Amino acid sequence: MTQQKLTLYHAPRTRSSSVLQLIEELGAPYELHVLNQKKEEHRAPAYLAINPLGKVPALKHGDAVVTETVACFLYLADAFPDAGLAPRIGDPLRGPYLRWMTLYGAAYEPAVVDRAMQRDAGKRTMSPYGDFDSLFKVITDQLAKGPYILGPKFTAADVLWGSGLAWTTMFKLVPDSPVVTAYLQRVSGRPAQLRAQARDQELAASLA
């Protein structure tokens, strides 16, 4: 499976930037299909055939098509197991890994969006995250155990949460937290992260 052609449909400075970071961490050979959102290339029929919602990221790996950020992460980390970024089935860390991967998309992003738009979370029984303060405490309590989401082992979960926490703290969408700051310092300076960030900046400049 890993020998098949891997293509990332990507727009710089979007959620697909985190998938680019993960691919660099995996050391997987890939091609970029860059979409200029200012020209609405993500809304063109050719891309809507890939993702009818017109969102990035999207992956093609051989005949497989994967959309949604967390799904892309789960797929890639399992598709390139030699990189060791996903606990395998049977590993006691597999459950916690899946929990933290899905918590990001299912709870953290909805909570951040509601908070940014000053929307009430609604009844706890209806909210996908309960309330923001409780969720954020769960996150910071986990990071405080360190050094990574699953303890001593760096995984794809750290690429996902590192990217998400970086942009939400940058735009002041979450409270200042020394625990989060220290965590970001541990994950953001990795060579693969720096390569992906540099390429993303170059792409953004070329599309400006």
N, C-alpha and C. Protein backbone atom coordinates (compact mmCIF):
# COMPACT_ATOMS: atom_id res chain seq x y z
N MET A 1 0.82 -1.21 0.00
CA MET A 1 0.00 0.00 0.00
C MET A 1 0.85 1.25 0.00
N THR A 2 1.98 1.26 0.74
CA THR A 2 2.78 2.47 0.86
C THR A 2 3.50 2.82 -0.43
N GLN A 3 3.58 1.87 -1.39
CA GLN A 3 4.27 2.14 -2.64
C GLN A 3 3.40 2.90 -3.63
N GLN A 4 2.12 3.02 -3.35
CA GLN A 4 1.23 3.72 -4.25
C GLN A 4 1.46 5.23 -4.19
N LYS A 5 1.11 5.90 -5.27
CA LYS A 5 1.31 7.35 -5.35
C LYS A 5 0.45 8.07 -4.32
N LEU A 6 1.08 8.99 -3.58
CA LEU A 6 0.39 9.78 -2.57
C LEU A 6 0.33 11.24 -3.01
N THR A 7 -0.88 11.78 -3.08
CA THR A 7 -1.08 13.17 -3.46
C THR A 7 -1.87 13.87 -2.37
N LEU A 8 -1.38 15.02 -1.94
CA LEU A 8 -2.09 15.87 -0.99
C LEU A 8 -2.65 17.07 -1.71
N TYR A 9 -3.96 17.22 -1.65
CA TYR A 9 -4.62 18.42 -2.17
C TYR A 9 -4.56 19.45 -1.04
N HIS A 10 -3.89 20.55 -1.35
CA HIS A 10 -3.41 21.43 -0.27
C HIS A 10 -3.61 22.90 -0.62
N ALA A 11 -4.01 23.66 0.37
CA ALA A 11 -3.99 25.11 0.29
C ALA A 11 -3.17 25.60 1.48
N PRO A 12 -2.16 26.44 1.25
CA PRO A 12 -1.31 26.87 2.36
C PRO A 12 -2.09 27.66 3.40
N ARG A 13 -1.60 27.53 4.64
CA ARG A 13 -2.17 28.23 5.80
C ARG A 13 -3.63 27.84 6.03
N THR A 14 -3.89 26.56 5.86
CA THR A 14 -5.19 26.00 6.17
C THR A 14 -4.98 24.73 6.99
N ARG A 15 -6.07 24.02 7.25
CA ARG A 15 -5.95 22.77 8.01
C ARG A 15 -5.07 21.75 7.30
N SER A 16 -4.97 21.84 5.99
CA SER A 16 -4.13 20.88 5.28
C SER A 16 -2.65 21.08 5.58
N SER A 17 -2.29 22.22 6.15
CA SER A 17 -0.89 22.44 6.53
C SER A 17 -0.44 21.43 7.57
N SER A 18 -1.36 21.04 8.46
CA SER A 18 -1.00 20.04 9.47
C SER A 18 -0.77 18.68 8.83
N VAL A 19 -1.52 18.36 7.78
CA VAL A 19 -1.31 17.08 7.09
C VAL A 19 0.04 17.09 6.37
N LEU A 20 0.41 18.23 5.81
CA LEU A 20 1.74 18.37 5.21
C LEU A 20 2.82 18.12 6.25
N GLN A 21 2.62 18.63 7.45
CA GLN A 21 3.59 18.40 8.53
C GLN A 21 3.69 16.91 8.85
N LEU A 22 2.54 16.24 8.90
CA LEU A 22 2.57 14.82 9.20
C LEU A 22 3.29 14.02 8.12
N ILE A 23 3.03 14.34 6.86
CA ILE A 23 3.69 13.62 5.77
C ILE A 23 5.21 13.79 5.87
N GLU A 24 5.65 15.01 6.21
CA GLU A 24 7.09 15.23 6.39
C GLU A 24 7.62 14.40 7.55
N GLU A 25 6.87 14.30 8.64
CA GLU A 25 7.29 13.47 9.77
C GLU A 25 7.38 12.00 9.37
N LEU A 26 6.46 11.56 8.53
CA LEU A 26 6.45 10.16 8.10
C LEU A 26 7.59 9.84 7.13
N GLY A 27 8.12 10.87 6.48
CA GLY A 27 9.14 10.65 5.47
C GLY A 27 8.61 9.97 4.23
N ALA A 28 7.32 10.17 3.97
CA ALA A 28 6.67 9.52 2.83
C ALA A 28 6.86 10.34 1.56
N PRO A 29 7.09 9.67 0.42
CA PRO A 29 7.14 10.40 -0.85
C PRO A 29 5.75 10.87 -1.23
N TYR A 30 5.66 12.10 -1.69
CA TYR A 30 4.33 12.65 -1.99
C TYR A 30 4.42 13.73 -3.06
N GLU A 31 3.26 14.03 -3.62
CA GLU A 31 3.11 15.17 -4.52
C GLU A 31 2.07 16.11 -3.91
N LEU A 32 2.26 17.39 -4.17
CA LEU A 32 1.29 18.39 -3.74
C LEU A 32 0.46 18.84 -4.94
N HIS A 33 -0.83 18.87 -4.76
CA HIS A 33 -1.72 19.52 -5.73
C HIS A 33 -2.23 20.77 -5.03
N VAL A 34 -1.63 21.90 -5.36
CA VAL A 34 -1.90 23.14 -4.64
C VAL A 34 -3.14 23.83 -5.22
N LEU A 35 -4.02 24.24 -4.33
CA LEU A 35 -5.25 24.93 -4.71
C LEU A 35 -5.18 26.38 -4.25
N ASN A 36 -5.46 27.29 -5.17
CA ASN A 36 -5.48 28.71 -4.85
C ASN A 36 -6.89 29.09 -4.43
N GLN A 37 -7.07 29.27 -3.15
CA GLN A 37 -8.42 29.55 -2.65
C GLN A 37 -8.91 30.94 -3.05
N LYS A 38 -7.97 31.86 -3.26
CA LYS A 38 -8.39 33.19 -3.70
C LYS A 38 -9.05 33.13 -5.08
N LYS A 39 -8.63 32.17 -5.89
CA LYS A 39 -9.23 31.97 -7.20
C LYS A 39 -10.35 30.93 -7.16
N GLU A 40 -10.67 30.48 -5.94
CA GLU A 40 -11.74 29.50 -5.70
C GLU A 40 -11.51 28.20 -6.47
N GLU A 41 -10.25 27.81 -6.56
CA GLU A 41 -9.95 26.54 -7.22
C GLU A 41 -10.51 25.35 -6.43
N HIS A 42 -10.71 25.57 -5.12
CA HIS A 42 -11.29 24.50 -4.30
C HIS A 42 -12.78 24.31 -4.55
N ARG A 43 -13.38 25.24 -5.30
CA ARG A 43 -14.80 25.14 -5.65
C ARG A 43 -15.00 24.71 -7.10
N ALA A 44 -13.92 24.47 -7.82
CA ALA A 44 -14.00 24.06 -9.22
C ALA A 44 -14.51 22.62 -9.31
N PRO A 45 -15.20 22.28 -10.39
CA PRO A 45 -15.75 20.93 -10.54
C PRO A 45 -14.71 19.82 -10.36
N ALA A 46 -13.50 20.05 -10.85
CA ALA A 46 -12.47 19.01 -10.76
C ALA A 46 -12.17 18.66 -9.31
N TYR A 47 -12.12 19.68 -8.43
CA TYR A 47 -11.84 19.37 -7.03
C TYR A 47 -13.10 18.91 -6.29
N LEU A 48 -14.24 19.42 -6.66
CA LEU A 48 -15.47 18.97 -6.03
C LEU A 48 -15.72 17.49 -6.29
N ALA A 49 -15.14 16.97 -7.36
CA ALA A 49 -15.23 15.53 -7.61
C ALA A 49 -14.40 14.75 -6.59
N ILE A 50 -13.38 15.42 -6.02
CA ILE A 50 -12.56 14.80 -4.97
C ILE A 50 -13.24 14.96 -3.62
N ASN A 51 -13.62 16.19 -3.30
CA ASN A 51 -14.32 16.48 -2.05
C ASN A 51 -15.50 17.40 -2.35
N PRO A 52 -16.72 16.88 -2.36
CA PRO A 52 -17.89 17.68 -2.71
C PRO A 52 -18.11 18.88 -1.80
N LEU A 53 -17.49 18.88 -0.60
CA LEU A 53 -17.62 20.03 0.29
C LEU A 53 -16.65 21.15 -0.07
N GLY A 54 -15.72 20.87 -0.98
CA GLY A 54 -14.78 21.90 -1.40
C GLY A 54 -13.79 22.32 -0.33
N LYS A 55 -13.48 21.41 0.59
CA LYS A 55 -12.55 21.72 1.67
C LYS A 55 -11.23 21.00 1.45
N VAL A 56 -10.18 21.54 2.05
CA VAL A 56 -8.91 20.84 2.14
C VAL A 56 -8.69 20.51 3.61
N PRO A 57 -7.94 19.44 3.88
CA PRO A 57 -7.16 18.62 2.97
C PRO A 57 -7.98 17.51 2.32
N ALA A 58 -7.39 16.93 1.27
CA ALA A 58 -7.85 15.67 0.71
C ALA A 58 -6.62 14.89 0.26
N LEU A 59 -6.71 13.61 0.36
CA LEU A 59 -5.61 12.73 -0.03
C LEU A 59 -6.09 11.78 -1.12
N LYS A 60 -5.18 11.48 -2.03
CA LYS A 60 -5.34 10.33 -2.91
C LYS A 60 -4.12 9.46 -2.73
N HIS A 61 -4.36 8.19 -2.45
CA HIS A 61 -3.28 7.23 -2.26
C HIS A 61 -3.65 6.00 -3.07
N GLY A 62 -3.10 5.90 -4.26
CA GLY A 62 -3.58 4.88 -5.16
C GLY A 62 -5.02 5.17 -5.52
N ASP A 63 -5.91 4.21 -5.30
CA ASP A 63 -7.33 4.40 -5.57
C ASP A 63 -8.10 4.96 -4.38
N ALA A 64 -7.44 5.08 -3.24
CA ALA A 64 -8.11 5.57 -2.04
C ALA A 64 -8.19 7.09 -2.03
N VAL A 65 -9.34 7.62 -1.64
CA VAL A 65 -9.54 9.05 -1.47
C VAL A 65 -9.97 9.27 -0.02
N VAL A 66 -9.28 10.18 0.66
CA VAL A 66 -9.57 10.45 2.07
C VAL A 66 -9.73 11.95 2.25
N THR A 67 -10.81 12.35 2.91
CA THR A 67 -11.02 13.75 3.27
C THR A 67 -11.21 13.84 4.78
N GLU A 68 -11.24 15.06 5.28
CA GLU A 68 -11.35 15.39 6.71
C GLU A 68 -9.98 15.20 7.37
N THR A 69 -9.57 16.22 8.09
CA THR A 69 -8.21 16.26 8.63
C THR A 69 -7.88 15.06 9.49
N VAL A 70 -8.73 14.76 10.46
CA VAL A 70 -8.42 13.65 11.37
C VAL A 70 -8.39 12.33 10.62
N ALA A 71 -9.30 12.15 9.66
CA ALA A 71 -9.29 10.92 8.86
C ALA A 71 -7.99 10.81 8.07
N CYS A 72 -7.51 11.92 7.53
CA CYS A 72 -6.23 11.91 6.81
C CYS A 72 -5.09 11.50 7.74
N PHE A 73 -5.11 12.01 8.96
CA PHE A 73 -4.07 11.66 9.93
C PHE A 73 -4.09 10.17 10.25
N LEU A 74 -5.29 9.66 10.55
CA LEU A 74 -5.40 8.25 10.91
C LEU A 74 -4.95 7.36 9.75
N TYR A 75 -5.36 7.72 8.56
CA TYR A 75 -5.01 6.93 7.38
C TYR A 75 -3.50 6.93 7.17
N LEU A 76 -2.91 8.11 7.16
CA LEU A 76 -1.48 8.21 6.84
C LEU A 76 -0.60 7.52 7.87
N ALA A 77 -0.89 7.73 9.14
CA ALA A 77 -0.05 7.13 10.18
C ALA A 77 -0.09 5.61 10.14
N ASP A 78 -1.25 5.04 9.75
CA ASP A 78 -1.35 3.59 9.61
C ASP A 78 -0.77 3.11 8.29
N ALA A 79 -0.86 3.94 7.24
CA ALA A 79 -0.35 3.54 5.92
C ALA A 79 1.17 3.48 5.88
N PHE A 80 1.82 4.23 6.76
CA PHE A 80 3.28 4.25 6.80
C PHE A 80 3.75 3.86 8.21
N PRO A 81 3.54 2.60 8.58
CA PRO A 81 3.79 2.17 9.96
C PRO A 81 5.24 2.19 10.37
N ASP A 82 6.16 2.12 9.41
CA ASP A 82 7.58 2.08 9.78
C ASP A 82 8.03 3.36 10.48
N ALA A 83 7.29 4.44 10.28
CA ALA A 83 7.65 5.70 10.95
C ALA A 83 7.32 5.66 12.44
N GLY A 84 6.47 4.72 12.85
CA GLY A 84 6.17 4.55 14.27
C GLY A 84 5.35 5.66 14.89
N LEU A 85 4.53 6.33 14.09
CA LEU A 85 3.76 7.46 14.62
C LEU A 85 2.34 7.08 15.04
N ALA A 86 1.98 5.81 14.94
CA ALA A 86 0.67 5.36 15.39
C ALA A 86 0.82 4.03 16.12
N PRO A 87 0.37 3.94 17.37
CA PRO A 87 0.37 2.64 18.04
C PRO A 87 -0.46 1.64 17.23
N ARG A 88 0.03 0.44 17.09
CA ARG A 88 -0.67 -0.55 16.29
C ARG A 88 -1.78 -1.22 17.11
N ILE A 89 -2.72 -1.84 16.42
CA ILE A 89 -3.78 -2.58 17.10
C ILE A 89 -3.14 -3.64 17.98
N GLY A 90 -3.59 -3.71 19.23
CA GLY A 90 -2.99 -4.60 20.22
C GLY A 90 -2.08 -3.88 21.19
N ASP A 91 -1.57 -2.72 20.79
CA ASP A 91 -0.77 -1.88 21.68
C ASP A 91 -1.72 -1.20 22.66
N PRO A 92 -1.42 -1.23 23.97
CA PRO A 92 -2.29 -0.57 24.95
C PRO A 92 -2.49 0.92 24.69
N LEU A 93 -1.58 1.54 23.96
CA LEU A 93 -1.72 2.96 23.66
C LEU A 93 -2.64 3.24 22.48
N ARG A 94 -3.09 2.17 21.78
CA ARG A 94 -3.95 2.40 20.62
C ARG A 94 -5.25 3.10 21.00
N GLY A 95 -5.87 2.68 22.09
CA GLY A 95 -7.11 3.31 22.52
C GLY A 95 -6.94 4.77 22.88
N PRO A 96 -5.99 5.11 23.76
CA PRO A 96 -5.76 6.52 24.06
C PRO A 96 -5.40 7.34 22.82
N TYR A 97 -4.63 6.75 21.92
CA TYR A 97 -4.28 7.44 20.68
C TYR A 97 -5.52 7.80 19.87
N LEU A 98 -6.42 6.83 19.68
CA LEU A 98 -7.65 7.10 18.94
C LEU A 98 -8.52 8.13 19.67
N ARG A 99 -8.53 8.04 20.98
CA ARG A 99 -9.31 9.01 21.76
C ARG A 99 -8.84 10.42 21.49
N TRP A 100 -7.53 10.64 21.57
CA TRP A 100 -7.01 12.00 21.40
C TRP A 100 -7.09 12.48 19.97
N MET A 101 -6.98 11.59 19.03
CA MET A 101 -7.14 11.98 17.63
C MET A 101 -8.56 12.46 17.36
N THR A 102 -9.53 11.69 17.81
CA THR A 102 -10.92 12.05 17.51
C THR A 102 -11.42 13.19 18.38
N LEU A 103 -10.89 13.33 19.59
CA LEU A 103 -11.29 14.43 20.45
C LEU A 103 -11.01 15.77 19.81
N TYR A 104 -9.92 15.82 19.04
CA TYR A 104 -9.56 17.09 18.40
C TYR A 104 -10.68 17.57 17.48
N GLY A 105 -11.09 16.73 16.55
CA GLY A 105 -12.11 17.15 15.59
C GLY A 105 -13.51 17.17 16.16
N ALA A 106 -13.80 16.23 17.05
CA ALA A 106 -15.16 16.08 17.57
C ALA A 106 -15.50 17.07 18.67
N ALA A 107 -14.48 17.53 19.41
CA ALA A 107 -14.75 18.39 20.55
C ALA A 107 -13.97 19.70 20.53
N TYR A 108 -12.64 19.62 20.30
CA TYR A 108 -11.82 20.83 20.44
C TYR A 108 -12.19 21.89 19.40
N GLU A 109 -12.24 21.51 18.15
CA GLU A 109 -12.55 22.52 17.13
C GLU A 109 -13.96 23.11 17.31
N PRO A 110 -15.00 22.30 17.56
CA PRO A 110 -16.31 22.90 17.82
C PRO A 110 -16.29 23.85 19.03
N ALA A 111 -15.54 23.48 20.07
CA ALA A 111 -15.48 24.33 21.25
C ALA A 111 -14.79 25.66 20.95
N VAL A 112 -13.70 25.60 20.20
CA VAL A 112 -12.97 26.82 19.86
C VAL A 112 -13.82 27.73 18.97
N VAL A 113 -14.51 27.15 18.01
CA VAL A 113 -15.35 27.96 17.11
C VAL A 113 -16.47 28.63 17.90
N ASP A 114 -17.13 27.88 18.77
CA ASP A 114 -18.19 28.48 19.59
C ASP A 114 -17.65 29.62 20.44
N ARG A 115 -16.48 29.40 21.03
CA ARG A 115 -15.89 30.42 21.90
C ARG A 115 -15.51 31.65 21.09
N ALA A 116 -14.92 31.45 19.91
CA ALA A 116 -14.51 32.58 19.07
C ALA A 116 -15.70 33.40 18.61
N MET A 117 -16.82 32.73 18.36
CA MET A 117 -18.02 33.42 17.88
C MET A 117 -18.95 33.83 19.01
N GLN A 118 -18.46 33.60 20.25
CA GLN A 118 -19.22 33.97 21.46
C GLN A 118 -20.60 33.33 21.46
N ARG A 119 -20.62 32.06 21.06
CA ARG A 119 -21.86 31.30 21.07
C ARG A 119 -21.92 30.43 22.31
N ASP A 120 -23.09 30.32 22.88
CA ASP A 120 -23.28 29.45 24.03
C ASP A 120 -23.20 27.99 23.58
N ALA A 121 -22.57 27.16 24.41
CA ALA A 121 -22.43 25.75 24.06
C ALA A 121 -23.75 25.00 24.09
N GLY A 122 -24.73 25.58 24.76
CA GLY A 122 -26.02 24.93 24.88
C GLY A 122 -26.03 23.91 26.00
N LYS A 123 -27.06 23.10 26.06
CA LYS A 123 -27.16 22.08 27.10
C LYS A 123 -26.02 21.07 26.96
N ARG A 124 -25.48 20.66 28.10
CA ARG A 124 -24.36 19.71 28.06
C ARG A 124 -24.74 18.42 27.33
N THR A 125 -26.01 18.03 27.47
CA THR A 125 -26.43 16.80 26.82
C THR A 125 -26.48 16.93 25.30
N MET A 126 -26.49 18.15 24.79
CA MET A 126 -26.55 18.38 23.35
C MET A 126 -25.20 18.79 22.77
N SER A 127 -24.29 19.27 23.62
CA SER A 127 -23.01 19.79 23.16
C SER A 127 -22.02 18.65 22.89
N PRO A 128 -21.25 18.72 21.81
CA PRO A 128 -20.25 17.68 21.55
C PRO A 128 -19.05 17.75 22.49
N TYR A 129 -18.95 18.84 23.28
CA TYR A 129 -17.79 18.97 24.16
C TYR A 129 -18.15 19.33 25.60
N GLY A 130 -19.42 19.53 25.91
CA GLY A 130 -19.81 19.89 27.26
C GLY A 130 -19.66 21.37 27.50
N ASP A 131 -18.54 21.79 28.05
CA ASP A 131 -18.25 23.21 28.18
C ASP A 131 -16.76 23.42 27.95
N PHE A 132 -16.40 24.62 27.49
CA PHE A 132 -15.03 24.88 27.05
C PHE A 132 -14.02 24.72 28.19
N ASP A 133 -14.32 25.28 29.35
CA ASP A 133 -13.34 25.25 30.44
C ASP A 133 -13.01 23.82 30.86
N SER A 134 -14.02 22.96 30.93
CA SER A 134 -13.76 21.57 31.31
C SER A 134 -12.91 20.87 30.26
N LEU A 135 -13.24 21.09 29.00
CA LEU A 135 -12.48 20.48 27.92
C LEU A 135 -11.03 20.96 27.93
N PHE A 136 -10.82 22.26 28.07
CA PHE A 136 -9.47 22.80 28.04
C PHE A 136 -8.65 22.28 29.22
N LYS A 137 -9.30 22.08 30.36
CA LYS A 137 -8.58 21.52 31.51
C LYS A 137 -8.16 20.08 31.25
N VAL A 138 -9.02 19.30 30.60
CA VAL A 138 -8.65 17.93 30.25
C VAL A 138 -7.40 17.94 29.37
N ILE A 139 -7.36 18.87 28.42
CA ILE A 139 -6.21 18.97 27.50
C ILE A 139 -4.94 19.36 28.26
N THR A 140 -5.02 20.43 29.04
CA THR A 140 -3.82 20.90 29.73
C THR A 140 -3.35 19.90 30.79
N ASP A 141 -4.29 19.21 31.44
CA ASP A 141 -3.89 18.18 32.41
C ASP A 141 -3.10 17.07 31.71
N GLN A 142 -3.52 16.70 30.50
CA GLN A 142 -2.81 15.66 29.77
C GLN A 142 -1.43 16.14 29.33
N LEU A 143 -1.36 17.37 28.84
CA LEU A 143 -0.08 17.90 28.39
C LEU A 143 0.90 18.06 29.55
N ALA A 144 0.37 18.34 30.74
CA ALA A 144 1.24 18.54 31.91
C ALA A 144 1.97 17.25 32.29
N LYS A 145 1.40 16.10 31.91
CA LYS A 145 2.06 14.83 32.21
C LYS A 145 3.30 14.67 31.35
N GLY A 146 3.23 15.17 30.11
CA GLY A 146 4.32 15.27 29.15
C GLY A 146 5.15 14.00 28.98
N PRO A 147 6.14 14.14 28.11
CA PRO A 147 6.36 15.33 27.29
C PRO A 147 5.41 15.44 26.09
N TYR A 148 4.73 14.31 25.77
CA TYR A 148 3.84 14.31 24.62
C TYR A 148 2.45 13.83 25.02
N ILE A 149 1.53 13.84 24.07
CA ILE A 149 0.14 13.47 24.36
C ILE A 149 0.04 12.09 25.01
N LEU A 150 0.80 11.14 24.49
CA LEU A 150 0.75 9.78 25.01
C LEU A 150 1.89 9.47 25.96
N GLY A 151 2.52 10.51 26.49
CA GLY A 151 3.62 10.30 27.42
C GLY A 151 4.96 10.47 26.75
N PRO A 152 5.87 9.50 26.86
CA PRO A 152 7.23 9.68 26.32
C PRO A 152 7.32 9.54 24.82
N LYS A 153 6.29 8.98 24.16
CA LYS A 153 6.39 8.68 22.74
C LYS A 153 5.70 9.74 21.89
N PHE A 154 6.43 10.32 20.96
CA PHE A 154 5.88 11.27 19.99
C PHE A 154 5.08 10.49 18.95
N THR A 155 3.84 10.94 18.66
CA THR A 155 2.99 10.27 17.69
C THR A 155 2.32 11.29 16.77
N ALA A 156 1.54 10.77 15.84
CA ALA A 156 0.78 11.64 14.95
C ALA A 156 -0.16 12.55 15.74
N ALA A 157 -0.59 12.10 16.91
CA ALA A 157 -1.46 12.94 17.73
C ALA A 157 -0.78 14.25 18.10
N ASP A 158 0.52 14.23 18.25
CA ASP A 158 1.26 15.45 18.60
C ASP A 158 1.37 16.39 17.41
N VAL A 159 1.43 15.84 16.21
CA VAL A 159 1.42 16.70 15.03
C VAL A 159 0.07 17.40 14.92
N LEU A 160 -1.01 16.65 15.14
CA LEU A 160 -2.35 17.21 15.05
C LEU A 160 -2.59 18.27 16.12
N TRP A 161 -2.34 17.91 17.37
CA TRP A 161 -2.59 18.85 18.46
C TRP A 161 -1.57 19.99 18.45
N GLY A 162 -0.35 19.71 18.07
CA GLY A 162 0.64 20.78 18.00
C GLY A 162 0.23 21.84 17.01
N SER A 163 -0.23 21.42 15.84
CA SER A 163 -0.67 22.37 14.83
C SER A 163 -1.91 23.12 15.29
N GLY A 164 -2.89 22.39 15.82
CA GLY A 164 -4.13 23.03 16.24
C GLY A 164 -3.94 24.00 17.38
N LEU A 165 -3.16 23.60 18.38
CA LEU A 165 -2.92 24.50 19.51
C LEU A 165 -2.08 25.70 19.09
N ALA A 166 -1.18 25.51 18.12
CA ALA A 166 -0.36 26.63 17.67
C ALA A 166 -1.23 27.74 17.07
N TRP A 167 -2.16 27.37 16.17
CA TRP A 167 -2.93 28.44 15.53
C TRP A 167 -4.00 29.00 16.45
N THR A 168 -4.53 28.19 17.36
CA THR A 168 -5.55 28.74 18.27
C THR A 168 -4.92 29.64 19.33
N THR A 169 -3.69 29.35 19.73
CA THR A 169 -3.02 30.27 20.66
C THR A 169 -2.52 31.51 19.94
N MET A 170 -2.07 31.35 18.71
CA MET A 170 -1.58 32.49 17.93
C MET A 170 -2.68 33.55 17.77
N PHE A 171 -3.89 33.09 17.52
CA PHE A 171 -5.01 34.01 17.31
C PHE A 171 -5.81 34.28 18.58
N LYS A 172 -5.23 33.89 19.73
CA LYS A 172 -5.84 34.19 21.03
C LYS A 172 -7.25 33.61 21.15
N LEU A 173 -7.45 32.43 20.58
CA LEU A 173 -8.75 31.79 20.65
C LEU A 173 -8.91 30.93 21.89
N VAL A 174 -7.80 30.69 22.59
CA VAL A 174 -7.82 29.94 23.84
C VAL A 174 -7.01 30.72 24.87
N PRO A 175 -7.21 30.43 26.15
CA PRO A 175 -6.47 31.17 27.18
C PRO A 175 -4.97 30.90 27.11
N ASP A 176 -4.19 31.88 27.54
CA ASP A 176 -2.75 31.68 27.67
C ASP A 176 -2.50 30.58 28.70
N SER A 177 -1.60 29.67 28.38
CA SER A 177 -1.31 28.56 29.28
C SER A 177 0.16 28.20 29.18
N PRO A 178 0.91 28.29 30.30
CA PRO A 178 2.32 27.89 30.28
C PRO A 178 2.51 26.44 29.86
N VAL A 179 1.54 25.58 30.20
CA VAL A 179 1.63 24.17 29.83
C VAL A 179 1.58 24.01 28.32
N VAL A 180 0.65 24.73 27.68
CA VAL A 180 0.53 24.67 26.22
C VAL A 180 1.77 25.26 25.57
N THR A 181 2.25 26.39 26.08
CA THR A 181 3.45 27.02 25.52
C THR A 181 4.64 26.07 25.56
N ALA A 182 4.83 25.40 26.69
CA ALA A 182 5.95 24.47 26.82
C ALA A 182 5.79 23.29 25.87
N TYR A 183 4.58 22.81 25.73
CA TYR A 183 4.32 21.70 24.80
C TYR A 183 4.64 22.10 23.37
N LEU A 184 4.20 23.28 22.97
CA LEU A 184 4.45 23.74 21.60
C LEU A 184 5.94 23.92 21.34
N GLN A 185 6.68 24.33 22.33
CA GLN A 185 8.13 24.45 22.18
C GLN A 185 8.77 23.09 21.92
N ARG A 186 8.21 22.05 22.52
CA ARG A 186 8.76 20.70 22.33
C ARG A 186 8.47 20.15 20.94
N VAL A 187 7.32 20.47 20.38
CA VAL A 187 6.94 19.83 19.12
C VAL A 187 7.22 20.68 17.89
N SER A 188 7.24 22.00 18.03
CA SER A 188 7.28 22.85 16.84
C SER A 188 8.66 22.98 16.21
N GLY A 189 9.70 22.67 16.95
CA GLY A 189 11.05 22.83 16.42
C GLY A 189 11.62 21.59 15.75
N ARG A 190 10.81 20.56 15.59
CA ARG A 190 11.29 19.34 14.95
C ARG A 190 11.63 19.61 13.48
N PRO A 191 12.67 18.97 12.95
CA PRO A 191 13.08 19.25 11.56
C PRO A 191 11.95 19.09 10.56
N ALA A 192 11.14 18.06 10.70
CA ALA A 192 10.04 17.85 9.75
C ALA A 192 9.03 18.99 9.82
N GLN A 193 8.78 19.48 11.03
CA GLN A 193 7.85 20.60 11.18
C GLN A 193 8.40 21.85 10.50
N LEU A 194 9.67 22.09 10.68
CA LEU A 194 10.28 23.27 10.09
C LEU A 194 10.29 23.18 8.56
N ARG A 195 10.52 21.98 8.02
CA ARG A 195 10.49 21.81 6.56
C ARG A 195 9.08 22.10 6.03
N ALA A 196 8.09 21.56 6.69
CA ALA A 196 6.72 21.75 6.22
C ALA A 196 6.31 23.21 6.33
N GLN A 197 6.69 23.87 7.42
CA GLN A 197 6.35 25.27 7.60
C GLN A 197 7.01 26.14 6.53
N ALA A 198 8.27 25.84 6.22
CA ALA A 198 8.98 26.61 5.20
C ALA A 198 8.33 26.44 3.85
N ARG A 199 7.96 25.21 3.50
CA ARG A 199 7.31 24.98 2.21
C ARG A 199 5.94 25.66 2.16
N ASP A 200 5.22 25.62 3.26
CA ASP A 200 3.91 26.26 3.31
C ASP A 200 4.03 27.77 3.11
N GLN A 201 5.05 28.37 3.72
CA GLN A 201 5.26 29.81 3.58
C GLN A 201 5.62 30.17 2.14
N GLU A 202 6.45 29.35 1.51
CA GLU A 202 6.81 29.59 0.11
C GLU A 202 5.58 29.50 -0.78
N LEU A 203 4.74 28.52 -0.54
CA LEU A 203 3.53 28.38 -1.35
C LEU A 203 2.58 29.55 -1.15
N ALA A 204 2.43 29.98 0.10
CA ALA A 204 1.56 31.10 0.40
C ALA A 204 2.05 32.37 -0.32
N ALA A 205 3.36 32.56 -0.31
CA ALA A 205 3.93 33.74 -0.98
C ALA A 205 3.73 33.68 -2.49
N SER A 206 3.84 32.48 -3.06
CA SER A 206 3.70 32.36 -4.50
C SER A 206 2.26 32.57 -4.97
N LEU A 207 1.29 32.39 -4.06
CA LEU A 207 -0.11 32.55 -4.41
C LEU A 207 -0.66 33.92 -4.05
N ALA A 208 0.17 34.72 -3.38
CA ALA A 208 -0.29 36.04 -2.92
C ALA A 208 -0.57 36.98 -4.10
